[in-house]
C-alpha cells in the first residue's frame, strides 16, 4: 500500500509530494514541473528521490522509470484530449 502527501502546488506549473506511508521507500519526495513551450505544448519534468534496502535499490530504478513514464504519457494524452477550444 502506498499514498502521497501534497507538499507544494503552483497552478499549471508545479506539483510536489512526499510518501505518506510506504514501508518499502523512505524519505521519498517528488516534483512534477510543467513548462509551456512556444508551440502550445508542455514539457513535463517529473523526478524524485527515495531511500530503500539494497535489494529494492537494485530493482526500483527500472520499475519506477517504466511506471512513471507510463504516468507521464497518460498525463500528456489526457492534456491533448482535453485541450481548451481556441
C-alpha atoms as a PDB file:
ATOM      1  CA  UNK A   1       0.000   0.000   0.000  1.00  0.00           C
ATOM      2  CA  UNK A   2       1.207   3.499  -0.751  1.00  0.00           C
ATOM      3  CA  UNK A   3      -0.021   7.037  -0.538  1.00  0.00           C
ATOM      4  CA  UNK A   4       1.328  10.511  -1.095  1.00  0.00           C
ATOM      5  CA  UNK A   5       1.017  13.818   0.712  1.00  0.00           C
ATOM      6  CA  UNK A   6       0.892  17.023  -1.336  1.00  0.00           C
ATOM      7  CA  UNK A   7       3.647  19.420  -0.242  1.00  0.00           C
ATOM      8  CA  UNK A   8       3.530  22.167  -2.853  1.00  0.00           C
ATOM      9  CA  UNK A   9       1.264  23.289  -5.682  1.00  0.00           C
ATOM     10  CA  UNK A  10       1.524  26.100  -8.196  1.00  0.00           C
ATOM     11  CA  UNK A  11      -1.420  26.008 -10.585  1.00  0.00           C
ATOM     12  CA  UNK A  12      -0.389  24.815 -14.077  1.00  0.00           C
ATOM     13  CA  UNK A  13       3.305  24.876 -13.098  1.00  0.00           C
ATOM     14  CA  UNK A  14       4.270  22.598 -10.206  1.00  0.00           C
ATOM     15  CA  UNK A  15       3.099  19.731  -8.029  1.00  0.00           C
ATOM     16  CA  UNK A  16       5.342  18.353  -5.282  1.00  0.00           C
ATOM     17  CA  UNK A  17       4.577  15.439  -2.994  1.00  0.00           C
ATOM     18  CA  UNK A  18       6.111  13.024  -0.492  1.00  0.00           C
ATOM     19  CA  UNK A  19       5.378   9.490   0.593  1.00  0.00           C
ATOM     20  CA  UNK A  20       2.844   9.250   3.387  1.00  0.00           C
ATOM     21  CA  UNK A  21       3.010   5.527   4.229  1.00  0.00           C
ATOM     22  CA  UNK A  22       5.067   3.160   2.075  1.00  0.00           C
ATOM     23  CA  UNK A  23       7.162   0.760   4.139  1.00  0.00           C
ATOM     24  CA  UNK A  24       9.424  -0.062   1.151  1.00  0.00           C
ATOM     25  CA  UNK A  25      10.510   3.509   0.384  1.00  0.00           C
ATOM     26  CA  UNK A  26      11.883   6.025   2.862  1.00  0.00           C
ATOM     27  CA  UNK A  27      12.311   9.786   2.504  1.00  0.00           C
ATOM     28  CA  UNK A  28      10.510   9.704  -0.854  1.00  0.00           C
ATOM     29  CA  UNK A  29       9.739  13.069  -2.381  1.00  0.00           C
ATOM     30  CA  UNK A  30       8.990  14.070  -5.950  1.00  0.00           C
ATOM     31  CA  UNK A  31       8.243  17.097  -8.102  1.00  0.00           C
ATOM     32  CA  UNK A  32       6.309  17.476 -11.329  1.00  0.00           C
ATOM     33  CA  UNK A  33       7.258  20.650 -13.158  1.00  0.00           C
ATOM     34  CA  UNK A  34       5.281  21.791 -16.199  1.00  0.00           C
ATOM     35  CA  UNK A  35       6.791  24.268 -18.649  1.00  0.00           C
ATOM     36  CA  UNK A  36       4.853  25.670 -21.609  1.00  0.00           C
ATOM     37  CA  UNK A  37       6.540  25.578 -24.996  1.00  0.00           C
ATOM     38  CA  UNK A  38       6.350  28.140 -27.779  1.00  0.00           C
ATOM     39  CA  UNK A  39       4.225  25.713 -29.832  1.00  0.00           C
ATOM     40  CA  UNK A  40       1.411  25.495 -27.227  1.00  0.00           C
ATOM     41  CA  UNK A  41       2.777  22.238 -25.811  1.00  0.00           C
ATOM     42  CA  UNK A  42       4.102  21.422 -22.356  1.00  0.00           C
ATOM     43  CA  UNK A  43       7.355  19.878 -21.173  1.00  0.00           C
ATOM     44  CA  UNK A  44       6.809  17.583 -18.179  1.00  0.00           C
ATOM     45  CA  UNK A  45       9.781  17.154 -15.825  1.00  0.00           C
ATOM     46  CA  UNK A  46       8.873  14.526 -13.204  1.00  0.00           C
ATOM     47  CA  UNK A  47      11.565  13.427 -10.793  1.00  0.00           C
ATOM     48  CA  UNK A  48      12.004  12.197  -7.250  1.00  0.00           C
ATOM     49  CA  UNK A  49      14.356  10.694  -4.700  1.00  0.00           C
ATOM     50  CA  UNK A  50      13.995   7.936  -2.132  1.00  0.00           C
ATOM     51  CA  UNK A  51      15.895   5.513   0.079  1.00  0.00           C
ATOM     52  CA  UNK A  52      15.289   1.770   0.266  1.00  0.00           C
ATOM     53  CA  UNK A  53      17.026  -1.524   1.096  1.00  0.00           C
ATOM     54  CA  UNK A  54      19.773  -2.947  -1.133  1.00  0.00           C
ATOM     55  CA  UNK A  55      17.524  -5.411  -2.988  1.00  0.00           C
ATOM     56  CA  UNK A  56      14.839  -2.883  -3.847  1.00  0.00           C
ATOM     57  CA  UNK A  57      17.597  -0.378  -4.589  1.00  0.00           C
ATOM     58  CA  UNK A  58      18.584  -2.664  -7.466  1.00  0.00           C
ATOM     59  CA  UNK A  59      15.023  -3.237  -8.769  1.00  0.00           C
ATOM     60  CA  UNK A  60      13.239   0.061  -8.112  1.00  0.00           C
ATOM     61  CA  UNK A  61      15.044   2.371 -10.567  1.00  0.00           C
ATOM     62  CA  UNK A  62      13.985   0.282 -13.576  1.00  0.00           C
ATOM     63  CA  UNK A  63      10.484  -0.309 -12.247  1.00  0.00           C
ATOM     64  CA  UNK A  64       9.891   3.326 -11.305  1.00  0.00           C
ATOM     65  CA  UNK A  65      11.241   4.638 -14.606  1.00  0.00           C
ATOM     66  CA  UNK A  66       8.781   2.482 -16.552  1.00  0.00           C
ATOM     67  CA  UNK A  67       5.895   3.179 -14.157  1.00  0.00           C
ATOM     68  CA  UNK A  68       6.481   6.951 -14.046  1.00  0.00           C
ATOM     69  CA  UNK A  69       6.915   7.145 -17.837  1.00  0.00           C
ATOM     70  CA  UNK A  70       3.522   5.482 -18.197  1.00  0.00           C
ATOM     71  CA  UNK A  71       2.005   8.036 -15.828  1.00  0.00           C
ATOM     72  CA  UNK A  72       3.629  10.964 -17.685  1.00  0.00           C
ATOM     73  CA  UNK A  73       2.429   9.555 -21.016  1.00  0.00           C
ATOM     74  CA  UNK A  74      -1.082   9.258 -19.599  1.00  0.00           C
ATOM     75  CA  UNK A  75      -0.952  12.841 -18.341  1.00  0.00           C
ATOM     76  CA  UNK A  76       0.207  14.061 -21.761  1.00  0.00           C
ATOM     77  CA  UNK A  77      -2.524  12.045 -23.509  1.00  0.00           C
ATOM     78  CA  UNK A  78      -5.181  13.457 -21.167  1.00  0.00           C
ATOM     79  CA  UNK A  79      -3.937  17.015 -21.742  1.00  0.00           C
ATOM     80  CA  UNK A  80      -4.004  16.518 -25.511  1.00  0.00           C
ATOM     81  CA  UNK A  81      -7.546  15.108 -25.432  1.00  0.00           C
ATOM     82  CA  UNK A  82      -8.831  17.916 -23.182  1.00  0.00           C
ATOM     83  CA  UNK A  83      -7.246  20.938 -24.828  1.00  0.00           C
ATOM     84  CA  UNK A  84      -9.291  24.114 -24.395  1.00  0.00           C
ATOM     85  CA  UNK A  85     -11.007  25.286 -27.561  1.00  0.00           C
ATOM     86  CA  UNK A  86      -9.228  28.206 -29.223  1.00  0.00           C
END
